[in-house]
PDB file of N, CA and C in Angstrom:
ATOM      1  N   MET A   1    -216.671  23.500  60.640  1.00  0.00           N
ATOM      2  CA  MET A   1    -216.514  25.397  60.428  1.00  0.00           C
ATOM      3  C   MET A   1    -215.357  25.762  61.472  1.00  0.00           C
ATOM      4  N   GLU A   2    -214.814  25.721  61.821  1.00  0.00           N
ATOM      5  CA  GLU A   2    -214.019  25.903  63.409  1.00  0.00           C
ATOM      6  C   GLU A   2    -212.349  25.856  62.765  1.00  0.00           C
ATOM      7  N   GLU A   3    -212.780  24.803  62.873  1.00  0.00           N
ATOM      8  CA  GLU A   3    -211.000  24.447  61.482  1.00  0.00           C
ATOM      9  C   GLU A   3    -210.589  25.145  60.483  1.00  0.00           C
ATOM     10  N   MET A   4    -211.781  25.162  59.227  1.00  0.00           N
ATOM     11  CA  MET A   4    -211.907  25.357  58.585  1.00  0.00           C
ATOM     12  C   MET A   4    -211.006  27.424  59.146  1.00  0.00           C
ATOM     13  N   MET A   5    -211.300  28.135  60.343  1.00  0.00           N
ATOM     14  CA  MET A   5    -211.276  29.076  60.692  1.00  0.00           C
ATOM     15  C   MET A   5    -209.740  29.240  61.560  1.00  0.00           C
ATOM     16  N   MET A   6    -209.487  28.391  61.904  1.00  0.00           N
ATOM     17  CA  MET A   6    -208.071  27.597  61.944  1.00  0.00           C
ATOM     18  C   MET A   6    -206.925  27.762  61.125  1.00  0.00           C
ATOM     19  N   MET A   7    -207.497  27.222  59.946  1.00  0.00           N
ATOM     20  CA  MET A   7    -206.491  26.721  58.916  1.00  0.00           C
ATOM     21  C   MET A   7    -205.468  28.511  58.259  1.00  0.00           C
ATOM     22  N   LYS A   8    -204.186  28.235  58.206  1.00  0.00           N
ATOM     23  CA  LYS A   8    -203.628  29.746  57.752  1.00  0.00           C
ATOM     24  C   LYS A   8    -203.756  29.954  56.304  1.00  0.00           C
ATOM     25  N   PRO A   9    -203.831  31.095  55.436  1.00  0.00           N
ATOM     26  CA  PRO A   9    -204.042  30.995  54.339  1.00  0.00           C
ATOM     27  C   PRO A   9    -202.752  30.300  53.650  1.00  0.00           C
ATOM     28  N   ALA A  10    -202.924  30.211  52.255  1.00  0.00           N
ATOM     29  CA  ALA A  10    -201.577  29.507  51.856  1.00  0.00           C
ATOM     30  C   ALA A  10    -200.662  30.993  51.195  1.00  0.00           C
ATOM     31  N   TRP A  11    -201.202  32.253  51.443  1.00  0.00           N
ATOM     32  CA  TRP A  11    -200.363  33.746  50.904  1.00  0.00           C
ATOM     33  C   TRP A  11    -199.440  33.420  52.507  1.00  0.00           C
ATOM     34  N   LEU A  12    -199.955  33.289  53.512  1.00  0.00           N
ATOM     35  CA  LEU A  12    -199.524  33.705  55.287  1.00  0.00           C
ATOM     36  C   LEU A  12    -197.915  33.524  54.977  1.00  0.00           C
ATOM     37  N   GLU A  13    -196.974  31.805  54.679  1.00  0.00           N
ATOM     38  CA  GLU A  13    -196.100  31.874  54.645  1.00  0.00           C
ATOM     39  C   GLU A  13    -195.442  32.632  53.996  1.00  0.00           C
ATOM     40  N   GLY A  14    -195.647  32.745  52.854  1.00  0.00           N
ATOM     41  CA  GLY A  14    -194.889  33.624  51.334  1.00  0.00           C
ATOM     42  C   GLY A  14    -194.828  35.498  52.041  1.00  0.00           C
ATOM     43  N   LEU A  15    -196.106  35.726  52.453  1.00  0.00           N
ATOM     44  CA  LEU A  15    -195.553  37.107  53.013  1.00  0.00           C
ATOM     45  C   LEU A  15    -194.753  37.410  54.470  1.00  0.00           C
ATOM     46  N   MET A  16    -194.271  36.526  55.570  1.00  0.00           N
ATOM     47  CA  MET A  16    -193.854  36.000  55.905  1.00  0.00           C
ATOM     48  C   MET A  16    -192.641  35.970  55.458  1.00  0.00           C
ATOM     49  N   ALA A  17    -192.325  35.246  54.973  1.00  0.00           N
ATOM     50  CA  ALA A  17    -190.635  35.252  54.690  1.00  0.00           C
ATOM     51  C   ALA A  17    -190.714  36.076  53.226  1.00  0.00           C
ATOM     52  N   GLU A  18    -191.169  36.749  53.188  1.00  0.00           N
ATOM     53  CA  GLU A  18    -190.894  38.360  51.799  1.00  0.00           C
ATOM     54  C   GLU A  18    -189.643  39.101  51.961  1.00  0.00           C
ATOM     55  N   LYS A  19    -188.939  39.250  51.790  1.00  0.00           N
ATOM     56  CA  LYS A  19    -188.074  40.842  52.374  1.00  0.00           C
ATOM     57  C   LYS A  19    -188.700  42.025  51.632  1.00  0.00           C
ATOM     58  N   PHE A  20    -189.157  42.752  52.181  1.00  0.00           N
ATOM     59  CA  PHE A  20    -189.483  44.167  51.343  1.00  0.00           C
ATOM     60  C   PHE A  20    -188.874  44.897  51.546  1.00  0.00           C
ATOM     61  N   PHE A  21    -188.817  46.161  51.023  1.00  0.00           N
ATOM     62  CA  PHE A  21    -188.540  47.620  50.726  1.00  0.00           C
ATOM     63  C   PHE A  21    -187.296  47.757  49.829  1.00  0.00           C
ATOM     64  N   ALA A  22    -186.867  46.476  48.939  1.00  0.00           N
ATOM     65  CA  ALA A  22    -185.415  46.260  48.577  1.00  0.00           C
ATOM     66  C   ALA A  22    -185.787  46.852  46.818  1.00  0.00           C
ATOM     67  N   GLY A  23    -184.528  47.107  46.241  1.00  0.00           N
ATOM     68  CA  GLY A  23    -185.120  48.050  44.565  1.00  0.00           C
ATOM     69  C   GLY A  23    -185.351  46.927  43.763  1.00  0.00           C
ATOM     70  N   CYS A  24    -186.766  47.262  43.110  1.00  0.00           N
ATOM     71  CA  CYS A  24    -187.334  46.082  41.958  1.00  0.00           C
ATOM     72  C   CYS A  24    -185.944  45.935  41.330  1.00  0.00           C
ATOM     73  N   GLY A  25    -185.887  44.379  40.904  1.00  0.00           N
ATOM     74  CA  GLY A  25    -184.824  43.803  39.821  1.00  0.00           C
ATOM     75  C   GLY A  25    -185.412  44.708  38.347  1.00  0.00           C
ATOM     76  N   VAL A  26    -186.311  44.590  38.089  1.00  0.00           N
ATOM     77  CA  VAL A  26    -187.660  45.077  36.334  1.00  0.00           C
ATOM     78  C   VAL A  26    -187.293  46.412  36.486  1.00  0.00           C
ATOM     79  N   HIS A  27    -187.379  46.674  37.643  1.00  0.00           N
ATOM     80  CA  HIS A  27    -187.927  48.910  37.786  1.00  0.00           C
ATOM     81  C   HIS A  27    -185.926  49.026  38.862  1.00  0.00           C
ATOM     82  N   GLN A  28    -185.421  48.907  38.166  1.00  0.00           N
ATOM     83  CA  GLN A  28    -184.036  49.120  39.077  1.00  0.00           C
ATOM     84  C   GLN A  28    -183.668  50.669  38.429  1.00  0.00           C
ATOM     85  N   ASN A  29    -184.133  51.567  37.376  1.00  0.00           N
ATOM     86  CA  ASN A  29    -183.170  52.613  36.755  1.00  0.00           C
ATOM     87  C   ASN A  29    -184.626  53.619  37.134  1.00  0.00           C
ATOM     88  N   ARG A  30    -185.483  52.742  37.949  1.00  0.00           N
ATOM     89  CA  ARG A  30    -186.914  54.147  37.774  1.00  0.00           C
ATOM     90  C   ARG A  30    -187.412  54.657  39.267  1.00  0.00           C
ATOM     91  N   ARG A  31    -187.481  55.431  39.819  1.00  0.00           N
ATOM     92  CA  ARG A  31    -187.663  55.860  41.190  1.00  0.00           C
ATOM     93  C   ARG A  31    -188.705  55.412  41.709  1.00  0.00           C
ATOM     94  N   LYS A  32    -188.286  55.158  42.676  1.00  0.00           N
ATOM     95  CA  LYS A  32    -189.648  54.486  44.019  1.00  0.00           C
ATOM     96  C   LYS A  32    -189.811  53.048  43.040  1.00  0.00           C
ATOM     97  N   ASN A  33    -188.760  52.401  43.392  1.00  0.00           N
ATOM     98  CA  ASN A  33    -189.088  51.298  42.892  1.00  0.00           C
ATOM     99  C   ASN A  33    -188.892  49.974  44.218  1.00  0.00           C
ATOM    100  N   GLU A  34    -189.111  50.378  45.352  1.00  0.00           N
ATOM    101  CA  GLU A  34    -189.343  49.143  47.047  1.00  0.00           C
ATOM    102  C   GLU A  34    -190.555  49.026  46.174  1.00  0.00           C
ATOM    103  N   LYS A  35    -190.087  47.653  46.467  1.00  0.00           N
ATOM    104  CA  LYS A  35    -191.162  46.740  46.876  1.00  0.00           C
ATOM    105  C   LYS A  35    -191.982  46.220  47.751  1.00  0.00           C
ATOM    106  N   ASN A  36    -193.016  46.631  48.304  1.00  0.00           N
ATOM    107  CA  ASN A  36    -193.484  46.833  49.691  1.00  0.00           C
ATOM    108  C   ASN A  36    -195.117  46.823  48.639  1.00  0.00           C
ATOM    109  N   ILE A  37    -194.981  46.317  48.076  1.00  0.00           N
ATOM    110  CA  ILE A  37    -196.803  45.593  47.811  1.00  0.00           C
ATOM    111  C   ILE A  37    -196.531  44.026  47.775  1.00  0.00           C
ATOM    112  N   PHE A  38    -197.145  43.387  47.925  1.00  0.00           N
ATOM    113  CA  PHE A  38    -197.616  41.867  48.485  1.00  0.00           C
ATOM    114  C   PHE A  38    -198.517  41.589  47.771  1.00  0.00           C
ATOM    115  N   CYS A  39    -198.581  40.490  46.802  1.00  0.00           N
ATOM    116  CA  CYS A  39    -199.870  39.824  45.590  1.00  0.00           C
ATOM    117  C   CYS A  39    -200.198  38.116  46.310  1.00  0.00           C
ATOM    118  N   LEU A  40    -201.196  38.154  46.979  1.00  0.00           N
ATOM    119  CA  LEU A  40    -201.903  36.962  47.586  1.00  0.00           C
ATOM    120  C   LEU A  40    -202.085  35.827  46.933  1.00  0.00           C
ATOM    121  N   HIS A  41    -202.074  36.091  45.381  1.00  0.00           N
ATOM    122  CA  HIS A  41    -202.449  34.997  44.297  1.00  0.00           C
ATOM    123  C   HIS A  41    -201.463  35.262  43.890  1.00  0.00           C
ATOM    124  N   CYS A  42    -200.282  35.536  43.642  1.00  0.00           N
ATOM    125  CA  CYS A  42    -198.935  35.325  42.753  1.00  0.00           C
ATOM    126  C   CYS A  42    -197.716  34.876  44.841  1.00  0.00           C
ATOM    127  N   CYS A  43    -197.704  35.032  45.038  1.00  0.00           N
ATOM    128  CA  CYS A  43    -197.173  35.317  46.566  1.00  0.00           C
ATOM    129  C   CYS A  43    -195.400  35.554  46.488  1.00  0.00           C
ATOM    130  N   GLN A  44    -196.175  37.264  45.656  1.00  0.00           N
ATOM    131  CA  GLN A  44    -194.485  37.666  46.407  1.00  0.00           C
ATOM    132  C   GLN A  44    -194.826  38.937  46.083  1.00  0.00           C
ATOM    133  N   SER A  45    -193.427  39.876  46.433  1.00  0.00           N
ATOM    134  CA  SER A  45    -194.242  41.284  46.241  1.00  0.00           C
ATOM    135  C   SER A  45    -193.192  41.840  45.065  1.00  0.00           C
ATOM    136  N   PHE A  46    -193.620  43.139  45.333  1.00  0.00           N
ATOM    137  CA  PHE A  46    -192.832  43.803  43.648  1.00  0.00           C
ATOM    138  C   PHE A  46    -193.258  45.226  44.127  1.00  0.00           C
ATOM    139  N   CYS A  47    -193.069  46.148  43.121  1.00  0.00           N
ATOM    140  CA  CYS A  47    -192.866  48.033  43.610  1.00  0.00           C
ATOM    141  C   CYS A  47    -194.199  48.540  42.810  1.00  0.00           C
ATOM    142  N   PRO A  48    -194.622  49.583  43.273  1.00  0.00           N
ATOM    143  CA  PRO A  48    -195.558  50.209  42.650  1.00  0.00           C
ATOM    144  C   PRO A  48    -195.847  49.952  40.784  1.00  0.00           C
ATOM    145  N   HIS A  49    -194.396  50.034  40.527  1.00  0.00           N
ATOM    146  CA  HIS A  49    -194.442  50.428  38.927  1.00  0.00           C
ATOM    147  C   HIS A  49    -194.927  49.034  38.226  1.00  0.00           C
ATOM    148  N   CYS A  50    -195.138  47.899  39.197  1.00  0.00           N
ATOM    149  CA  CYS A  50    -194.944  46.483  38.781  1.00  0.00           C
ATOM    150  C   CYS A  50    -197.074  46.294  38.707  1.00  0.00           C
ATOM    151  N   LEU A  51    -197.101  47.306  39.827  1.00  0.00           N
ATOM    152  CA  LEU A  51    -198.988  46.921  39.870  1.00  0.00           C
ATOM    153  C   LEU A  51    -199.715  46.764  38.697  1.00  0.00           C
ATOM    154  N   PRO A  52    -199.874  47.040  37.166  1.00  0.00           N
ATOM    155  CA  PRO A  52    -200.598  46.679  36.393  1.00  0.00           C
ATOM    156  C   PRO A  52    -201.090  45.218  36.253  1.00  0.00           C
ATOM    157  N   SER A  53    -199.671  44.509  36.303  1.00  0.00           N
ATOM    158  CA  SER A  53    -199.852  42.963  35.872  1.00  0.00           C
ATOM    159  C   SER A  53    -200.228  42.031  36.923  1.00  0.00           C
ATOM    160  N   HIS A  54    -200.674  43.366  37.707  1.00  0.00           N
ATOM    161  CA  HIS A  54    -201.696  42.361  38.871  1.00  0.00           C
ATOM    162  C   HIS A  54    -202.797  43.256  39.905  1.00  0.00           C
ATOM    163  N   HIS A  55    -203.435  44.139  38.438  1.00  0.00           N
ATOM    164  CA  HIS A  55    -204.614  44.691  38.400  1.00  0.00           C
ATOM    165  C   HIS A  55    -205.534  44.116  39.366  1.00  0.00           C
ATOM    166  N   SER A  56    -205.523  42.949  38.810  1.00  0.00           N
ATOM    167  CA  SER A  56    -206.987  41.801  39.520  1.00  0.00           C
ATOM    168  C   SER A  56    -206.572  41.267  40.882  1.00  0.00           C
ATOM    169  N   HIS A  57    -205.409  41.265  41.233  1.00  0.00           N
ATOM    170  CA  HIS A  57    -205.124  39.934  41.811  1.00  0.00           C
ATOM    171  C   HIS A  57    -205.132  41.068  43.640  1.00  0.00           C
ATOM    172  N   PRO A  58    -205.443  40.369  44.749  1.00  0.00           N
ATOM    173  CA  PRO A  58    -205.939  40.527  45.890  1.00  0.00           C
ATOM    174  C   PRO A  58    -204.529  41.003  46.696  1.00  0.00           C
ATOM    175  N   LEU A  59    -204.221  42.445  46.950  1.00  0.00           N
ATOM    176  CA  LEU A  59    -202.882  42.509  47.153  1.00  0.00           C
ATOM    177  C   LEU A  59    -203.061  43.161  48.561  1.00  0.00           C
ATOM    178  N   LEU A  60    -201.166  43.730  49.493  1.00  0.00           N
ATOM    179  CA  LEU A  60    -201.876  44.253  50.921  1.00  0.00           C
ATOM    180  C   LEU A  60    -200.129  45.028  50.236  1.00  0.00           C
ATOM    181  N   GLN A  61    -200.756  46.056  50.778  1.00  0.00           N
ATOM    182  CA  GLN A  61    -199.317  47.131  50.625  1.00  0.00           C
ATOM    183  C   GLN A  61    -198.716  46.761  52.327  1.00  0.00           C
ATOM    184  N   VAL A  62    -197.404  46.787  52.088  1.00  0.00           N
ATOM    185  CA  VAL A  62    -196.777  46.974  53.363  1.00  0.00           C
ATOM    186  C   VAL A  62    -196.360  48.681  53.634  1.00  0.00           C
ATOM    187  N   ARG A  63    -195.882  48.646  54.564  1.00  0.00           N
ATOM    188  CA  ARG A  63    -195.653  49.761  55.422  1.00  0.00           C
ATOM    189  C   ARG A  63    -194.417  50.227  56.086  1.00  0.00           C
ATOM    190  N   ARG A  64    -193.509  50.661  56.559  1.00  0.00           N
ATOM    191  CA  ARG A  64    -192.012  50.783  57.067  1.00  0.00           C
ATOM    192  C   ARG A  64    -192.840  52.111  57.795  1.00  0.00           C
ATOM    193  N   TYR A  65    -192.225  51.154  59.605  1.00  0.00           N
ATOM    194  CA  TYR A  65    -192.438  52.059  60.519  1.00  0.00           C
ATOM    195  C   TYR A  65    -190.977  51.912  61.325  1.00  0.00           C
ATOM    196  N   THR A  66    -191.281  51.030  62.112  1.00  0.00           N
ATOM    197  CA  THR A  66    -189.073  50.523  62.620  1.00  0.00           C
ATOM    198  C   THR A  66    -189.232  49.155  62.158  1.00  0.00           C
ATOM    199  N   GLN A  67    -190.338  49.179  61.561  1.00  0.00           N
ATOM    200  CA  GLN A  67    -190.101  47.009  61.074  1.00  0.00           C
ATOM    201  C   GLN A  67    -191.281  47.636  60.427  1.00  0.00           C
ATOM    202  N   ASP A  68    -191.476  45.823  59.585  1.00  0.00           N
ATOM    203  CA  ASP A  68    -192.574  46.051  58.742  1.00  0.00           C
ATOM    204  C   ASP A  68    -194.317  45.698  59.433  1.00  0.00           C
ATOM    205  N   VAL A  69    -195.108  46.454  58.438  1.00  0.00           N
ATOM    206  CA  VAL A  69    -196.034  46.767  59.442  1.00  0.00           C
ATOM    207  C   VAL A  69    -197.749  46.497  58.284  1.00  0.00           C
ATOM    208  N   ILE A  70    -198.392  46.558  58.094  1.00  0.00           N
ATOM    209  CA  ILE A  70    -199.965  46.048  57.801  1.00  0.00           C
ATOM    210  C   ILE A  70    -200.891  47.377  57.992  1.00  0.00           C
ATOM    211  N   ARG A  71    -202.128  47.958  57.793  1.00  0.00           N
ATOM    212  CA  ARG A  71    -202.473  48.209  57.810  1.00  0.00           C
ATOM    213  C   ARG A  71    -203.838  47.672  58.996  1.00  0.00           C
ATOM    214  N   LEU A  72    -204.211  47.189  59.978  1.00  0.00           N
ATOM    215  CA  LEU A  72    -205.315  46.223  60.915  1.00  0.00           C
ATOM    216  C   LEU A  72    -205.917  46.511  59.225  1.00  0.00           C
ATOM    217  N   ASP A  73    -206.853  47.248  58.970  1.00  0.00           N
ATOM    218  CA  ASP A  73    -208.281  47.674  58.175  1.00  0.00           C
ATOM    219  C   ASP A  73    -207.928  46.724  56.674  1.00  0.00           C
ATOM    220  N   ASP A  74    -206.753  46.673  56.287  1.00  0.00           N
ATOM    221  CA  ASP A  74    -206.378  46.114  55.552  1.00  0.00           C
ATOM    222  C   ASP A  74    -206.115  44.621  55.714  1.00  0.00           C
ATOM    223  N   LEU A  75    -206.008  44.327  56.517  1.00  0.00           N
ATOM    224  CA  LEU A  75    -205.430  42.336  56.743  1.00  0.00           C
ATOM    225  C   LEU A  75    -206.820  42.098  57.893  1.00  0.00           C
ATOM    226  N   GLU A  76    -208.026  42.682  57.527  1.00  0.00           N
ATOM    227  CA  GLU A  76    -208.418  42.392  59.283  1.00  0.00           C
ATOM    228  C   GLU A  76    -210.067  41.760  57.358  1.00  0.00           C
ATOM    229  N   LYS A  77    -209.615  41.952  56.333  1.00  0.00           N
ATOM    230  CA  LYS A  77    -210.112  41.569  54.891  1.00  0.00           C
ATOM    231  C   LYS A  77    -210.221  40.656  54.716  1.00  0.00           C
ATOM    232  N   LEU A  78    -209.412  39.660  55.040  1.00  0.00           N
ATOM    233  CA  LEU A  78    -208.737  38.737  55.115  1.00  0.00           C
ATOM    234  C   LEU A  78    -208.442  37.392  55.706  1.00  0.00           C
ATOM    235  N   ILE A  79    -208.118  38.162  56.815  1.00  0.00           N
ATOM    236  CA  ILE A  79    -207.941  37.137  58.190  1.00  0.00           C
ATOM    237  C   ILE A  79    -208.921  37.444  59.442  1.00  0.00           C
ATOM    238  N   ASP A  80    -208.843  36.865  60.328  1.00  0.00           N
ATOM    239  CA  ASP A  80    -209.260  37.211  62.054  1.00  0.00           C
ATOM    240  C   ASP A  80    -207.874  37.654  62.760  1.00  0.00           C
ATOM    241  N   CYS A  81    -208.304  38.543  62.447  1.00  0.00           N
ATOM    242  CA  CYS A  81    -206.981  39.501  63.269  1.00  0.00           C
ATOM    243  C   CYS A  81    -207.301  39.486  64.878  1.00  0.00           C
ATOM    244  N   SER A  82    -208.194  39.081  65.565  1.00  0.00           N
ATOM    245  CA  SER A  82    -208.822  39.674  67.150  1.00  0.00           C
ATOM    246  C   SER A  82    -208.119  39.071  67.653  1.00  0.00           C
ATOM    247  N   TYR A  83    -206.637  38.209  67.873  1.00  0.00           N
ATOM    248  CA  TYR A  83    -205.936  37.702  69.248  1.00  0.00           C
ATOM    249  C   TYR A  83    -204.064  38.467  68.399  1.00  0.00           C
ATOM    250  N   ILE A  84    -204.548  39.823  67.664  1.00  0.00           N
ATOM    251  CA  ILE A  84    -203.309  39.631  67.338  1.00  0.00           C
ATOM    252  C   ILE A  84    -203.236  41.561  67.868  1.00  0.00           C
ATOM    253  N   GLN A  85    -202.151  41.722  68.878  1.00  0.00           N
ATOM    254  CA  GLN A  85    -202.599  43.206  69.162  1.00  0.00           C
ATOM    255  C   GLN A  85    -202.086  44.263  68.127  1.00  0.00           C
ATOM    256  N   PRO A  86    -202.950  45.083  68.126  1.00  0.00           N
ATOM    257  CA  PRO A  86    -202.487  46.299  67.119  1.00  0.00           C
ATOM    258  C   PRO A  86    -201.788  47.802  67.659  1.00  0.00           C
ATOM    259  N   TYR A  87    -200.911  47.479  66.917  1.00  0.00           N
ATOM    260  CA  TYR A  87    -200.174  49.732  67.567  1.00  0.00           C
ATOM    261  C   TYR A  87    -200.798  50.858  66.939  1.00  0.00           C
ATOM    262  N   THR A  88    -201.056  51.780  67.252  1.00  0.00           N
ATOM    263  CA  THR A  88    -201.326  52.764  66.497  1.00  0.00           C
ATOM    264  C   THR A  88    -199.983  53.600  66.175  1.00  0.00           C
ATOM    265  N   ILE A  89    -199.725  53.444  64.600  1.00  0.00           N
ATOM    266  CA  ILE A  89    -198.860  54.180  64.411  1.00  0.00           C
ATOM    267  C   ILE A  89    -199.006  55.951  63.660  1.00  0.00           C
ATOM    268  N   ASN A  90    -199.054  56.668  63.660  1.00  0.00           N
ATOM    269  CA  ASN A  90    -199.746  58.366  62.513  1.00  0.00           C
ATOM    270  C   ASN A  90    -201.400  58.006  62.646  1.00  0.00           C
ATOM    271  N   SER A  91    -201.664  58.034  63.146  1.00  0.00           N
ATOM    272  CA  SER A  91    -203.018  57.824  63.483  1.00  0.00           C
ATOM    273  C   SER A  91    -204.166  56.013  63.212  1.00  0.00           C
ATOM    274  N   ALA A  92    -203.226  55.306  62.213  1.00  0.00           N
ATOM    275  CA  ALA A  92    -203.640  54.471  61.925  1.00  0.00           C
ATOM    276  C   ALA A  92    -203.202  53.668  62.784  1.00  0.00           C
ATOM    277  N   LYS A  93    -204.260  52.520  63.033  1.00  0.00           N
ATOM    278  CA  LYS A  93    -203.858  50.938  63.738  1.00  0.00           C
ATOM    279  C   LYS A  93    -203.283  50.018  62.295  1.00  0.00           C
ATOM    280  N   VAL A  94    -202.060  49.588  63.090  1.00  0.00           N
ATOM    281  CA  VAL A  94    -201.117  48.231  61.999  1.00  0.00           C
ATOM    282  C   VAL A  94    -200.976  47.427  63.117  1.00  0.00           C
ATOM    283  N   ILE A  95    -200.389  46.210  62.126  1.00  0.00           N
ATOM    284  CA  ILE A  95    -199.686  45.124  62.633  1.00  0.00           C
ATOM    285  C   ILE A  95    -198.438  44.564  62.318  1.00  0.00           C
ATOM    286  N   PHE A  96    -197.568  44.811  63.115  1.00  0.00           N
ATOM    287  CA  PHE A  96    -196.601  44.094  63.084  1.00  0.00           C
ATOM    288  C   PHE A  96    -196.233  42.877  62.477  1.00  0.00           C
ATOM    289  N   LEU A  97    -195.594  42.824  60.491  1.00  0.00           N
ATOM    290  CA  LEU A  97    -195.166  41.279  59.968  1.00  0.00           C
ATOM    291  C   LEU A  97    -194.705  40.523  61.496  1.00  0.00           C
ATOM    292  N   ASN A  98    -193.571  41.052  61.552  1.00  0.00           N
ATOM    293  CA  ASN A  98    -192.104  40.340  62.348  1.00  0.00           C
ATOM    294  C   ASN A  98    -192.461  41.035  63.936  1.00  0.00           C
ATOM    295  N   GLN A  99    -191.787  40.088  64.971  1.00  0.00           N
ATOM    296  CA  GLN A  99    -192.662  40.767  66.626  1.00  0.00           C
ATOM    297  C   GLN A  99    -191.711  41.428  66.293  1.00  0.00           C
ATOM    298  N   ARG A 100    -192.764  43.215  67.402  1.00  0.00           N
ATOM    299  CA  ARG A 100    -191.843  43.524  67.836  1.00  0.00           C
ATOM    300  C   ARG A 100    -190.847  43.798  68.623  1.00  0.00           C
ATOM    301  N   ALA A 101    -189.700  45.229  68.734  1.00  0.00           N
ATOM    302  CA  ALA A 101    -188.479  44.910  69.374  1.00  0.00           C
ATOM    303  C   ALA A 101    -189.199  45.874  70.408  1.00  0.00           C
ATOM    304  N   GLN A 102    -188.906  45.408  71.669  1.00  0.00           N
ATOM    305  CA  GLN A 102    -189.020  45.658  72.944  1.00  0.00           C
ATOM    306  C   GLN A 102    -188.167  46.834  72.885  1.00  0.00           C
ATOM    307  N   ALA A 103    -188.856  48.004  73.804  1.00  0.00           N
ATOM    308  CA  ALA A 103    -187.839  48.532  74.189  1.00  0.00           C
ATOM    309  C   ALA A 103    -186.738  48.611  75.690  1.00  0.00           C
ATOM    310  N   ARG A 104    -187.256  47.261  76.133  1.00  0.00           N
ATOM    311  CA  ARG A 104    -187.468  47.430  77.593  1.00  0.00           C
ATOM    312  C   ARG A 104    -187.252  45.673  77.335  1.00  0.00           C
ATOM    313  N   SER A 105    -186.381  45.593  78.507  1.00  0.00           N
ATOM    314  CA  SER A 105    -186.399  43.587  78.881  1.00  0.00           C
ATOM    315  C   SER A 105    -187.816  43.037  79.063  1.00  0.00           C
ATOM    316  N   CYS A 106    -188.599  41.868  78.517  1.00  0.00           N
ATOM    317  CA  CYS A 106    -189.165  41.818  78.601  1.00  0.00           C
ATOM    318  C   CYS A 106    -189.800  39.742  77.804  1.00  0.00           C
ATOM    319  N   LYS A 107    -189.934  39.593  78.485  1.00  0.00           N
ATOM    320  CA  LYS A 107    -190.038  38.258  78.952  1.00  0.00           C
ATOM    321  C   LYS A 107    -191.497  37.117  78.245  1.00  0.00           C
ATOM    322  N   ALA A 108    -192.331  38.165  78.242  1.00  0.00           N
ATOM    323  CA  ALA A 108    -193.888  37.861  77.816  1.00  0.00           C
ATOM    324  C   ALA A 108    -193.501  38.116  76.535  1.00  0.00           C
ATOM    325  N   SER A 109    -194.210  37.175  75.693  1.00  0.00           N
ATOM    326  CA  SER A 109    -194.338  37.350  73.582  1.00  0.00           C
ATOM    327  C   SER A 109    -195.703  37.322  73.781  1.00  0.00           C
ATOM    328  N   GLY A 110    -195.270  38.949  72.484  1.00  0.00           N
ATOM    329  CA  GLY A 110    -196.541  39.911  72.443  1.00  0.00           C
ATOM    330  C   GLY A 110    -196.941  39.032  71.264  1.00  0.00           C
ATOM    331  N   ASN A 111    -198.009  38.859  70.788  1.00  0.00           N
ATOM    332  CA  ASN A 111    -198.922  38.856  69.300  1.00  0.00           C
ATOM    333  C   ASN A 111    -199.031  39.240  68.323  1.00  0.00           C
ATOM    334  N   PHE A 112    -197.921  38.996  67.584  1.00  0.00           N
ATOM    335  CA  PHE A 112    -197.900  39.530  66.183  1.00  0.00           C
ATOM    336  C   PHE A 112    -198.398  38.508  64.916  1.00  0.00           C
ATOM    337  N   LEU A 113    -197.645  38.431  63.652  1.00  0.00           N
ATOM    338  CA  LEU A 113    -198.961  38.211  62.766  1.00  0.00           C
ATOM    339  C   LEU A 113    -197.905  36.965  62.682  1.00  0.00           C
ATOM    340  N   PHE A 114    -197.091  36.635  62.751  1.00  0.00           N
ATOM    341  CA  PHE A 114    -196.365  35.162  62.403  1.00  0.00           C
ATOM    342  C   PHE A 114    -196.579  34.187  63.788  1.00  0.00           C
ATOM    343  N   HIS A 115    -197.384  34.643  64.671  1.00  0.00           N
ATOM    344  CA  HIS A 115    -197.878  33.452  65.388  1.00  0.00           C
ATOM    345  C   HIS A 115    -199.160  32.889  64.971  1.00  0.00           C
ATOM    346  N   LEU A 116    -199.459  33.376  63.780  1.00  0.00           N
ATOM    347  CA  LEU A 116    -200.859  32.487  62.866  1.00  0.00           C
ATOM    348  C   LEU A 116    -200.421  31.223  62.615  1.00  0.00           C
TER     349      LEU A 116
END
C-alpha cells in the first residue's frame, strides 16, 4: 500500500514537460486561446475553446503568476501534497509547477512539484 502512495501518477511527467500559455493551434484566430488547461487523461494542454472535447476527462487549470502555478485545492484531490510547500497568491494557496525563482541567493532547494 505504501509503495502505491510513492508512485508518480502517469500524467505528472506530461504536466511538467508541457509548455503552457502558448496560443492554441486549433483556435489561433479566437480570443483567449492560451493553453492553460491540462487533461490528465490525454496528457496534453489545450485552450478553453477545446474544453468541450474533454468534458468528461479529469482536468487541471494552470494559472500564471510569475511562473505557472496550480491551486493547491485542485492538486490535493489528485495527489498527496503534504511535502510540497504551498504559497499564497491573491488569497489562494498555490503550488509552483517548477522551482520558484529566489529573490536572494539561497543554497537550499525548496519543495516544488517537480521533486515528486
